[in-house]
Amino acid sequence: MTTGDKTEQLTEVVGELAKLGINVIIAEVNYGYEYQSHPELQASNPSKKEQIKRLVAQCREHNIRLIPQFQCLGHQSWRKHTFPLLAKYPQFDETLGQYLGNEGIYCRSWCPLNPEVNPVVFSLMDELTAVFEADALHVGMDEVFLIGEDACPRCRGKDKAELFARAVNDYHKHLVKKHKLEMLMWGDRLIDARKIDYGKWESSANDTAGAIDLIPKDIIICDWHYETRDTYASIPMFLEKGFRVWPASWRKLEATKALIAYSRSLNNSNMLGHLNTTWGAVPIKELAKFEPILYATSCLR
């Protein structure tokens, strides 16, 4: 299925989602748009402007806030496939010349200190927010494992928390300070795995967590947790630091129930409700029948 097909399918179910009480949709786009500023960075069969505009119109009609997502820093590859930015501009890679075929790594990252990266990425961000008529952008930033690598002449030996914060602050300056948009990001790299025992995916075991005290507090932290736990200690941590927090679940219904119950128990005005991620667990046409979504919308109306 092409990116354009997915956009068309999402447009078709907006009305059904609105009836459930959903009031925000975050659409992960990345390179799946027909970019004009850098057409070389379009993924194959990208969504076209007119397709996005139909989605925007449907969301506006049903009072749904539509926020695009562009994965920044990490998630620049998947399995053997390297995504367009690093495929077209390999000099931007944090591990240039390493991990042939992407063997031995999870996902590639771009270098946060390469001065040529941000001008390109900001052009893509600007096109996305314009075509989506968006008042916010989700910049991703989850599961960044490759940062401050010895293979990078700029980042080698530098503090990884400071490098991560540098990237976050660069995006914040462009999106929030320059364009007056809201900025959202995933929270896992800001959680110290030594202090909160989530493991190296759900929290940071690679020394980026110190960035939490180096970034602006007006960023919305999407704090994802996909397993059932008695408590989710990162949520009060983010709240105490002054962030607005949007807890996020995935496909396990019991985990969704536990996360919602714990979040609501905190009774904090900076808690923004609940975010249901899907990550391919349900066909787009069946989103309105996805059990975790049905549960979340039934108890949070």
C-alpha atoms as a PDB file:
ATOM      1  CA  MET A   1       0.000   0.000   0.000  1.00  0.00           C
ATOM      2  CA  THR A   2       1.385   3.415  -0.953  1.00  0.00           C
ATOM      3  CA  THR A   3       1.584   6.389   1.388  1.00  0.00           C
ATOM      4  CA  GLY A   4      -1.066   8.064  -0.754  1.00  0.00           C
ATOM      5  CA  ASP A   5      -3.387   5.087  -0.291  1.00  0.00           C
ATOM      6  CA  LYS A   6      -2.944   5.327   3.476  1.00  0.00           C
ATOM      7  CA  THR A   7      -3.790   9.023   3.404  1.00  0.00           C
ATOM      8  CA  GLU A   8      -6.957   8.303   1.409  1.00  0.00           C
ATOM      9  CA  GLN A   9      -7.987   5.566   3.846  1.00  0.00           C
ATOM     10  CA  LEU A  10      -7.402   7.787   6.857  1.00  0.00           C
ATOM     11  CA  THR A  11      -9.507  10.515   5.243  1.00  0.00           C
ATOM     12  CA  GLU A  12     -12.359   8.028   4.861  1.00  0.00           C
ATOM     13  CA  VAL A  13     -12.452   7.103   8.569  1.00  0.00           C
ATOM     14  CA  VAL A  14     -12.101  10.583  10.088  1.00  0.00           C
ATOM     15  CA  GLY A  15     -15.859  10.838  10.583  1.00  0.00           C
ATOM     16  CA  GLU A  16     -16.002   7.491  12.388  1.00  0.00           C
ATOM     17  CA  LEU A  17     -13.140   8.492  14.671  1.00  0.00           C
ATOM     18  CA  ALA A  18     -14.811  11.805  15.472  1.00  0.00           C
ATOM     19  CA  LYS A  19     -17.995   9.979  16.524  1.00  0.00           C
ATOM     20  CA  LEU A  20     -15.927   8.063  19.084  1.00  0.00           C
ATOM     21  CA  GLY A  21     -14.744  11.351  20.578  1.00  0.00           C
ATOM     22  CA  ILE A  22     -11.255  11.501  19.081  1.00  0.00           C
ATOM     23  CA  ASN A  23     -10.168  15.121  18.783  1.00  0.00           C
ATOM     24  CA  VAL A  24      -6.517  14.825  17.645  1.00  0.00           C
ATOM     25  CA  ILE A  25      -4.819  12.743  14.962  1.00  0.00           C
ATOM     26  CA  ILE A  26      -1.036  12.574  14.659  1.00  0.00           C
ATOM     27  CA  ALA A  27      -0.094  11.408  11.172  1.00  0.00           C
ATOM     28  CA  GLU A  28       3.439  10.073  10.715  1.00  0.00           C
ATOM     29  CA  VAL A  29       4.624  11.366   7.348  1.00  0.00           C
ATOM     30  CA  ASN A  30       8.428  11.474   7.362  1.00  0.00           C
ATOM     31  CA  TYR A  31       9.486  11.204   3.700  1.00  0.00           C
ATOM     32  CA  GLY A  32       6.063  10.129   2.482  1.00  0.00           C
ATOM     33  CA  TYR A  33       5.058  13.486   1.003  1.00  0.00           C
ATOM     34  CA  GLU A  34       5.606  15.017  -2.422  1.00  0.00           C
ATOM     35  CA  TYR A  35       8.166  17.552  -1.221  1.00  0.00           C
ATOM     36  CA  GLN A  36       8.974  20.398  -3.583  1.00  0.00           C
ATOM     37  CA  SER A  37      11.915  21.918  -1.709  1.00  0.00           C
ATOM     38  CA  HIS A  38      13.816  18.628  -1.833  1.00  0.00           C
ATOM     39  CA  PRO A  39      12.080  16.307  -4.311  1.00  0.00           C
ATOM     40  CA  GLU A  40      15.031  13.921  -4.049  1.00  0.00           C
ATOM     41  CA  LEU A  41      13.848  13.104  -0.516  1.00  0.00           C
ATOM     42  CA  GLN A  42      10.411  11.835  -1.493  1.00  0.00           C
ATOM     43  CA  ALA A  43       9.813   8.207  -0.641  1.00  0.00           C
ATOM     44  CA  SER A  44       8.316   6.062  -3.387  1.00  0.00           C
ATOM     45  CA  ASN A  45       4.647   6.788  -4.123  1.00  0.00           C
ATOM     46  CA  PRO A  46       4.339   9.679  -1.654  1.00  0.00           C
ATOM     47  CA  SER A  47       1.124  11.421  -0.633  1.00  0.00           C
ATOM     48  CA  LYS A  48       0.252  14.299  -2.918  1.00  0.00           C
ATOM     49  CA  LYS A  49      -0.748  17.791  -1.858  1.00  0.00           C
ATOM     50  CA  GLU A  50      -4.367  17.327  -2.937  1.00  0.00           C
ATOM     51  CA  GLN A  51      -4.632  14.118  -0.880  1.00  0.00           C
ATOM     52  CA  ILE A  52      -3.346  15.871   2.241  1.00  0.00           C
ATOM     53  CA  LYS A  53      -5.723  18.767   1.643  1.00  0.00           C
ATOM     54  CA  ARG A  54      -8.693  16.381   1.553  1.00  0.00           C
ATOM     55  CA  LEU A  55      -7.553  14.923   4.870  1.00  0.00           C
ATOM     56  CA  VAL A  56      -7.160  18.413   6.322  1.00  0.00           C
ATOM     57  CA  ALA A  57     -10.670  19.345   5.168  1.00  0.00           C
ATOM     58  CA  GLN A  58     -12.207  16.242   6.723  1.00  0.00           C
ATOM     59  CA  CYS A  59     -10.458  16.845  10.038  1.00  0.00           C
ATOM     60  CA  ARG A  60     -11.586  20.470  10.065  1.00  0.00           C
ATOM     61  CA  GLU A  61     -15.169  19.452   9.312  1.00  0.00           C
ATOM     62  CA  HIS A  62     -15.144  17.045  12.261  1.00  0.00           C
ATOM     63  CA  ASN A  63     -13.242  19.315  14.679  1.00  0.00           C
ATOM     64  CA  ILE A  64     -10.169  17.073  14.802  1.00  0.00           C
ATOM     65  CA  ARG A  65      -6.772  18.664  15.271  1.00  0.00           C
ATOM     66  CA  LEU A  66      -4.380  17.203  12.688  1.00  0.00           C
ATOM     67  CA  ILE A  67      -0.671  17.128  13.580  1.00  0.00           C
ATOM     68  CA  PRO A  68       1.995  15.777  11.203  1.00  0.00           C
ATOM     69  CA  GLN A  69       4.972  13.839  12.514  1.00  0.00           C
ATOM     70  CA  PHE A  70       8.466  13.923  11.058  1.00  0.00           C
ATOM     71  CA  GLN A  71      10.922  11.560  12.727  1.00  0.00           C
ATOM     72  CA  CYS A  72      14.047  13.508  13.644  1.00  0.00           C
ATOM     73  CA  LEU A  73      17.569  12.388  14.478  1.00  0.00           C
ATOM     74  CA  GLY A  74      16.923   8.642  14.810  1.00  0.00           C
ATOM     75  CA  HIS A  75      14.700   6.232  12.866  1.00  0.00           C
ATOM     76  CA  GLN A  76      16.507   7.033   9.619  1.00  0.00           C
ATOM     77  CA  SER A  77      16.430   3.418   8.464  1.00  0.00           C
ATOM     78  CA  TRP A  78      14.441   0.251   8.912  1.00  0.00           C
ATOM     79  CA  ARG A  79      15.988  -3.163   8.528  1.00  0.00           C
ATOM     80  CA  LYS A  80      18.107  -3.047   5.328  1.00  0.00           C
ATOM     81  CA  HIS A  81      16.394   0.047   3.959  1.00  0.00           C
ATOM     82  CA  THR A  82      18.014   3.422   4.626  1.00  0.00           C
ATOM     83  CA  PHE A  83      15.566   6.310   4.337  1.00  0.00           C
ATOM     84  CA  PRO A  84      15.982   9.095   1.765  1.00  0.00           C
ATOM     85  CA  LEU A  85      17.895  11.679   3.807  1.00  0.00           C
ATOM     86  CA  LEU A  86      20.863   9.445   4.560  1.00  0.00           C
ATOM     87  CA  ALA A  87      20.552   7.567   1.275  1.00  0.00           C
ATOM     88  CA  LYS A  88      20.846  10.813  -0.696  1.00  0.00           C
ATOM     89  CA  TYR A  89      23.183  12.595   1.727  1.00  0.00           C
ATOM     90  CA  PRO A  90      25.314   9.880   3.350  1.00  0.00           C
ATOM     91  CA  GLN A  91      27.616  12.556   4.743  1.00  0.00           C
ATOM     92  CA  PHE A  92      24.822  13.398   7.229  1.00  0.00           C
ATOM     93  CA  ASP A  93      25.067   9.925   8.820  1.00  0.00           C
ATOM     94  CA  GLU A  94      26.212   9.682  12.444  1.00  0.00           C
ATOM     95  CA  THR A  95      27.951   6.419  11.549  1.00  0.00           C
ATOM     96  CA  LEU A  96      29.179   7.140   8.025  1.00  0.00           C
ATOM     97  CA  GLY A  97      30.653   4.056   6.434  1.00  0.00           C
ATOM     98  CA  GLN A  98      29.636   1.821   9.334  1.00  0.00           C
ATOM     99  CA  TYR A  99      27.072  -0.984   9.553  1.00  0.00           C
ATOM    100  CA  LEU A 100      26.851  -1.967   5.901  1.00  0.00           C
ATOM    101  CA  GLY A 101      23.357  -3.140   5.055  1.00  0.00           C
ATOM    102  CA  ASN A 102      22.314  -1.759   8.447  1.00  0.00           C
ATOM    103  CA  GLU A 103      23.501  -4.969  10.042  1.00  0.00           C
ATOM    104  CA  GLY A 104      24.049  -4.813  13.803  1.00  0.00           C
ATOM    105  CA  ILE A 105      21.962  -1.687  14.467  1.00  0.00           C
ATOM    106  CA  TYR A 106      18.335  -0.824  15.113  1.00  0.00           C
ATOM    107  CA  CYS A 107      17.993   2.410  13.103  1.00  0.00           C
ATOM    108  CA  ARG A 108      20.414   4.947  11.691  1.00  0.00           C
ATOM    109  CA  SER A 109      20.677   8.518  12.990  1.00  0.00           C
ATOM    110  CA  TRP A 110      21.759  11.740  11.394  1.00  0.00           C
ATOM    111  CA  CYS A 111      24.518  13.778  12.982  1.00  0.00           C
ATOM    112  CA  PRO A 112      23.100  16.514  15.264  1.00  0.00           C
ATOM    113  CA  LEU A 113      26.204  18.664  14.756  1.00  0.00           C
ATOM    114  CA  ASN A 114      26.449  18.565  10.964  1.00  0.00           C
ATOM    115  CA  PRO A 115      25.637  22.171   9.975  1.00  0.00           C
ATOM    116  CA  GLU A 116      24.170  21.082   6.635  1.00  0.00           C
ATOM    117  CA  VAL A 117      21.433  18.866   8.092  1.00  0.00           C
ATOM    118  CA  ASN A 118      19.043  21.362   9.688  1.00  0.00           C
ATOM    119  CA  PRO A 119      18.547  23.595   6.625  1.00  0.00           C
ATOM    120  CA  VAL A 120      17.364  20.536   4.690  1.00  0.00           C
ATOM    121  CA  VAL A 121      15.210  19.149   7.492  1.00  0.00           C
ATOM    122  CA  PHE A 122      13.675  22.543   8.277  1.00  0.00           C
ATOM    123  CA  SER A 123      12.596  22.894   4.648  1.00  0.00           C
ATOM    124  CA  LEU A 124      10.741  19.586   4.930  1.00  0.00           C
ATOM    125  CA  MET A 125       9.185  20.600   8.246  1.00  0.00           C
ATOM    126  CA  ASP A 126       7.998  23.882   6.771  1.00  0.00           C
ATOM    127  CA  GLU A 127       6.378  22.168   3.796  1.00  0.00           C
ATOM    128  CA  LEU A 128       4.628  19.678   6.059  1.00  0.00           C
ATOM    129  CA  THR A 129       3.232  22.219   8.476  1.00  0.00           C
ATOM    130  CA  ALA A 130       2.096  24.373   5.547  1.00  0.00           C
ATOM    131  CA  VAL A 131       0.250  21.645   3.639  1.00  0.00           C
ATOM    132  CA  PHE A 132      -1.278  20.284   6.865  1.00  0.00           C
ATOM    133  CA  GLU A 133      -2.205  23.846   7.907  1.00  0.00           C
ATOM    134  CA  ALA A 134      -0.817  22.638  11.222  1.00  0.00           C
ATOM    135  CA  ASP A 135      -0.349  24.461  14.498  1.00  0.00           C
ATOM    136  CA  ALA A 136       2.076  21.797  15.787  1.00  0.00           C
ATOM    137  CA  LEU A 137       4.641  19.236  14.666  1.00  0.00           C
ATOM    138  CA  HIS A 138       5.671  15.977  16.326  1.00  0.00           C
ATOM    139  CA  VAL A 139       9.434  15.565  15.862  1.00  0.00           C
ATOM    140  CA  GLY A 140       9.713  11.932  16.978  1.00  0.00           C
ATOM    141  CA  MET A 141      13.107  11.524  18.712  1.00  0.00           C
ATOM    142  CA  ASP A 142      12.356   8.087  20.185  1.00  0.00           C
ATOM    143  CA  GLU A 143      14.722   5.131  20.362  1.00  0.00           C
ATOM    144  CA  VAL A 144      17.815   7.113  19.373  1.00  0.00           C
ATOM    145  CA  PHE A 145      20.597   4.628  20.020  1.00  0.00           C
ATOM    146  CA  LEU A 146      23.262   6.054  17.703  1.00  0.00           C
ATOM    147  CA  ILE A 147      24.436   9.396  19.057  1.00  0.00           C
ATOM    148  CA  GLY A 148      27.881  10.654  20.043  1.00  0.00           C
ATOM    149  CA  GLU A 149      29.436   7.800  18.115  1.00  0.00           C
ATOM    150  CA  ASP A 150      33.195   7.343  17.687  1.00  0.00           C
ATOM    151  CA  ALA A 151      32.622   7.091  13.927  1.00  0.00           C
ATOM    152  CA  CYS A 152      31.447  10.714  13.836  1.00  0.00           C
ATOM    153  CA  PRO A 153      34.286  13.269  13.809  1.00  0.00           C
ATOM    154  CA  ARG A 154      31.959  16.003  15.124  1.00  0.00           C
ATOM    155  CA  CYS A 155      30.239  14.069  17.921  1.00  0.00           C
ATOM    156  CA  ARG A 156      33.027  11.753  19.052  1.00  0.00           C
ATOM    157  CA  GLY A 157      33.682  12.063  22.791  1.00  0.00           C
ATOM    158  CA  LYS A 158      30.941  14.617  23.419  1.00  0.00           C
ATOM    159  CA  ASP A 159      28.305  14.362  26.146  1.00  0.00           C
ATOM    160  CA  LYS A 160      25.349  12.464  24.693  1.00  0.00           C
ATOM    161  CA  ALA A 161      22.768  14.299  26.786  1.00  0.00           C
ATOM    162  CA  GLU A 162      24.091  17.615  25.515  1.00  0.00           C
ATOM    163  CA  LEU A 163      24.078  16.343  21.924  1.00  0.00           C
ATOM    164  CA  PHE A 164      20.485  15.150  22.243  1.00  0.00           C
ATOM    165  CA  ALA A 165      19.435  18.427  23.866  1.00  0.00           C
ATOM    166  CA  ARG A 166      21.209  20.358  21.107  1.00  0.00           C
ATOM    167  CA  ALA A 167      19.034  18.622  18.529  1.00  0.00           C
ATOM    168  CA  VAL A 168      15.826  19.161  20.520  1.00  0.00           C
ATOM    169  CA  ASN A 169      16.657  22.825  21.045  1.00  0.00           C
ATOM    170  CA  ASP A 170      17.431  23.339  17.366  1.00  0.00           C
ATOM    171  CA  TYR A 171      13.992  22.023  16.396  1.00  0.00           C
ATOM    172  CA  HIS A 172      12.310  24.010  19.160  1.00  0.00           C
ATOM    173  CA  LYS A 173      13.968  27.224  18.018  1.00  0.00           C
ATOM    174  CA  HIS A 174      12.740  26.680  14.466  1.00  0.00           C
ATOM    175  CA  LEU A 175       9.233  25.445  15.213  1.00  0.00           C
ATOM    176  CA  VAL A 176       8.253  27.227  18.403  1.00  0.00           C
ATOM    177  CA  LYS A 177      10.319  30.385  18.527  1.00  0.00           C
ATOM    178  CA  LYS A 178      10.390  31.140  14.795  1.00  0.00           C
ATOM    179  CA  HIS A 179       7.059  29.755  13.571  1.00  0.00           C
ATOM    180  CA  LYS A 180       5.027  29.887  16.809  1.00  0.00           C
ATOM    181  CA  LEU A 181       3.997  26.235  16.548  1.00  0.00           C
ATOM    182  CA  GLU A 182       3.706  23.672  19.310  1.00  0.00           C
ATOM    183  CA  MET A 183       6.318  20.930  19.422  1.00  0.00           C
ATOM    184  CA  LEU A 184       5.719  17.352  20.500  1.00  0.00           C
ATOM    185  CA  MET A 185       8.257  14.579  20.993  1.00  0.00           C
ATOM    186  CA  TRP A 186       8.522  11.084  22.432  1.00  0.00           C
ATOM    187  CA  GLY A 187       9.905  10.941  25.962  1.00  0.00           C
ATOM    188  CA  ASP A 188      11.898   7.714  26.192  1.00  0.00           C
ATOM    189  CA  ARG A 189      15.368   9.245  25.651  1.00  0.00           C
ATOM    190  CA  LEU A 190      14.710  11.612  28.577  1.00  0.00           C
ATOM    191  CA  ILE A 191      14.075   8.787  31.056  1.00  0.00           C
ATOM    192  CA  ASP A 192      17.117   7.443  32.913  1.00  0.00           C
ATOM    193  CA  ALA A 193      17.045   3.641  32.791  1.00  0.00           C
ATOM    194  CA  ARG A 194      19.222   3.573  35.920  1.00  0.00           C
ATOM    195  CA  LYS A 195      16.522   5.351  37.908  1.00  0.00           C
ATOM    196  CA  ILE A 196      13.340   4.022  36.304  1.00  0.00           C
ATOM    197  CA  ASP A 197      13.507   0.357  35.358  1.00  0.00           C
ATOM    198  CA  TYR A 198      11.786   0.343  31.976  1.00  0.00           C
ATOM    199  CA  GLY A 199      14.593  -1.206  29.947  1.00  0.00           C
ATOM    200  CA  LYS A 200      16.711   0.297  27.155  1.00  0.00           C
ATOM    201  CA  TRP A 201      13.818   0.867  24.710  1.00  0.00           C
ATOM    202  CA  GLU A 202      11.283   2.564  26.949  1.00  0.00           C
ATOM    203  CA  SER A 203      14.012   4.544  28.702  1.00  0.00           C
ATOM    204  CA  SER A 204      17.569   5.636  27.987  1.00  0.00           C
ATOM    205  CA  ALA A 205      20.501   3.415  28.834  1.00  0.00           C
ATOM    206  CA  ASN A 206      22.799   5.384  26.508  1.00  0.00           C
ATOM    207  CA  ASP A 207      23.305   8.534  28.569  1.00  0.00           C
ATOM    208  CA  THR A 208      20.848  10.893  26.864  1.00  0.00           C
ATOM    209  CA  ALA A 209      18.514  11.272  29.861  1.00  0.00           C
ATOM    210  CA  GLY A 210      20.299  14.337  31.241  1.00  0.00           C
ATOM    211  CA  ALA A 211      18.848  16.291  28.313  1.00  0.00           C
ATOM    212  CA  ILE A 212      15.607  16.568  30.288  1.00  0.00           C
ATOM    213  CA  ASP A 213      17.047  19.534  32.195  1.00  0.00           C
ATOM    214  CA  LEU A 214      18.469  21.191  29.070  1.00  0.00           C
ATOM    215  CA  ILE A 215      15.343  21.592  26.930  1.00  0.00           C
ATOM    216  CA  PRO A 216      12.320  23.946  27.068  1.00  0.00           C
ATOM    217  CA  LYS A 217       9.400  22.931  29.249  1.00  0.00           C
ATOM    218  CA  ASP A 218       6.746  23.980  26.731  1.00  0.00           C
ATOM    219  CA  ILE A 219       7.446  20.852  24.655  1.00  0.00           C
ATOM    220  CA  ILE A 220       4.662  18.268  24.909  1.00  0.00           C
ATOM    221  CA  ILE A 221       6.144  14.934  25.999  1.00  0.00           C
ATOM    222  CA  CYS A 222       4.420  11.890  24.526  1.00  0.00           C
ATOM    223  CA  ASP A 223       5.337   9.269  27.115  1.00  0.00           C
ATOM    224  CA  TRP A 224       4.802   5.859  25.525  1.00  0.00           C
ATOM    225  CA  HIS A 225       4.316   2.668  27.548  1.00  0.00           C
ATOM    226  CA  TYR A 226       3.094  -0.516  25.914  1.00  0.00           C
ATOM    227  CA  GLU A 227       3.205  -2.987  28.826  1.00  0.00           C
ATOM    228  CA  THR A 228       0.988  -3.409  31.888  1.00  0.00           C
ATOM    229  CA  ARG A 229       2.555  -1.942  35.046  1.00  0.00           C
ATOM    230  CA  ASP A 230       1.342  -0.975  38.496  1.00  0.00           C
ATOM    231  CA  THR A 231       2.911   2.466  38.127  1.00  0.00           C
ATOM    232  CA  TYR A 232       4.511   4.503  35.356  1.00  0.00           C
ATOM    233  CA  ALA A 233       7.063   6.561  37.240  1.00  0.00           C
ATOM    234  CA  SER A 234       8.150   8.658  34.271  1.00  0.00           C
ATOM    235  CA  ILE A 235       4.775  10.386  34.080  1.00  0.00           C
ATOM    236  CA  PRO A 236       4.965  12.144  37.459  1.00  0.00           C
ATOM    237  CA  MET A 237       8.648  12.795  36.752  1.00  0.00           C
ATOM    238  CA  PHE A 238       7.814  14.719  33.578  1.00  0.00           C
ATOM    239  CA  LEU A 239       4.965  16.528  35.320  1.00  0.00           C
ATOM    240  CA  GLU A 240       7.200  17.569  38.207  1.00  0.00           C
ATOM    241  CA  LYS A 241       9.736  18.912  35.692  1.00  0.00           C
ATOM    242  CA  GLY A 242       7.015  21.169  34.321  1.00  0.00           C
ATOM    243  CA  PHE A 243       6.166  19.435  31.052  1.00  0.00           C
ATOM    244  CA  ARG A 244       2.734  18.741  29.666  1.00  0.00           C
ATOM    245  CA  VAL A 245       2.455  14.972  29.283  1.00  0.00           C
ATOM    246  CA  TRP A 246       0.486  12.888  26.813  1.00  0.00           C
ATOM    247  CA  PRO A 247       0.700   9.208  27.860  1.00  0.00           C
ATOM    248  CA  ALA A 248       0.621   6.802  24.922  1.00  0.00           C
ATOM    249  CA  SER A 249      -0.352   3.140  24.673  1.00  0.00           C
ATOM    250  CA  TRP A 250      -0.353   0.671  21.792  1.00  0.00           C
ATOM    251  CA  ARG A 251      -2.089  -2.624  21.042  1.00  0.00           C
ATOM    252  CA  LYS A 252      -2.438  -4.383  24.415  1.00  0.00           C
ATOM    253  CA  LEU A 253      -5.833  -3.606  25.905  1.00  0.00           C
ATOM    254  CA  GLU A 254      -4.879  -4.356  29.514  1.00  0.00           C
ATOM    255  CA  ALA A 255      -1.811  -2.156  29.225  1.00  0.00           C
ATOM    256  CA  THR A 256      -3.981   0.643  27.830  1.00  0.00           C
ATOM    257  CA  LYS A 257      -6.361   0.287  30.764  1.00  0.00           C
ATOM    258  CA  ALA A 258      -3.522   0.349  33.288  1.00  0.00           C
ATOM    259  CA  LEU A 259      -1.868   3.400  31.741  1.00  0.00           C
ATOM    260  CA  ILE A 260      -5.117   5.369  31.600  1.00  0.00           C
ATOM    261  CA  ALA A 261      -6.021   4.462  35.191  1.00  0.00           C
ATOM    262  CA  TYR A 262      -2.608   5.479  36.500  1.00  0.00           C
ATOM    263  CA  SER A 263      -2.535   8.697  34.503  1.00  0.00           C
ATOM    264  CA  ARG A 264      -5.972   9.739  35.742  1.00  0.00           C
ATOM    265  CA  SER A 265      -5.027   8.963  39.326  1.00  0.00           C
ATOM    266  CA  LEU A 266      -2.438  11.743  39.231  1.00  0.00           C
ATOM    267  CA  ASN A 267      -5.156  14.354  38.703  1.00  0.00           C
ATOM    268  CA  ASN A 268      -2.818  16.881  37.118  1.00  0.00           C
ATOM    269  CA  SER A 269      -3.895  19.683  34.794  1.00  0.00           C
ATOM    270  CA  ASN A 270      -0.794  19.128  32.637  1.00  0.00           C
ATOM    271  CA  MET A 271      -2.027  15.642  31.726  1.00  0.00           C
ATOM    272  CA  LEU A 272      -3.358  15.938  28.183  1.00  0.00           C
ATOM    273  CA  GLY A 273      -5.568  12.863  27.967  1.00  0.00           C
ATOM    274  CA  HIS A 274      -4.519   9.676  26.209  1.00  0.00           C
ATOM    275  CA  LEU A 275      -2.743   8.945  22.928  1.00  0.00           C
ATOM    276  CA  ASN A 276      -3.414   5.629  21.182  1.00  0.00           C
ATOM    277  CA  THR A 277      -0.607   4.634  18.832  1.00  0.00           C
ATOM    278  CA  THR A 278      -1.259   1.990  16.193  1.00  0.00           C
ATOM    279  CA  TRP A 279       2.078   1.227  14.420  1.00  0.00           C
ATOM    280  CA  GLY A 280       0.401  -1.086  11.926  1.00  0.00           C
ATOM    281  CA  ALA A 281      -1.405  -3.160  14.568  1.00  0.00           C
ATOM    282  CA  VAL A 282      -4.737  -2.433  12.901  1.00  0.00           C
ATOM    283  CA  PRO A 283      -5.654  -1.662   9.275  1.00  0.00           C
ATOM    284  CA  ILE A 284      -6.450   2.017   8.790  1.00  0.00           C
ATOM    285  CA  LYS A 285      -9.958   1.156   7.604  1.00  0.00           C
ATOM    286  CA  GLU A 286     -10.610  -0.530  10.950  1.00  0.00           C
ATOM    287  CA  LEU A 287      -9.217   2.155  13.286  1.00  0.00           C
ATOM    288  CA  ALA A 288     -12.647   2.894  14.714  1.00  0.00           C
ATOM    289  CA  LYS A 289     -12.925  -0.769  15.778  1.00  0.00           C
ATOM    290  CA  PHE A 290      -9.488  -1.005  17.437  1.00  0.00           C
ATOM    291  CA  GLU A 291     -10.112  -2.187  21.004  1.00  0.00           C
ATOM    292  CA  PRO A 292      -7.608   0.106  22.776  1.00  0.00           C
ATOM    293  CA  ILE A 293      -9.122   3.110  20.975  1.00  0.00           C
ATOM    294  CA  LEU A 294     -12.645   2.030  21.847  1.00  0.00           C
ATOM    295  CA  TYR A 295     -11.699   1.670  25.491  1.00  0.00           C
ATOM    296  CA  ALA A 296      -9.837   4.981  25.705  1.00  0.00           C
ATOM    297  CA  THR A 297     -12.603   6.946  24.039  1.00  0.00           C
ATOM    298  CA  SER A 298     -15.291   5.323  26.189  1.00  0.00           C
ATOM    299  CA  CYS A 299     -13.672   6.298  29.493  1.00  0.00           C
ATOM    300  CA  LEU A 300     -12.184   9.658  28.593  1.00  0.00           C
ATOM    301  CA  ARG A 301     -15.177  11.407  27.060  1.00  0.00           C
END
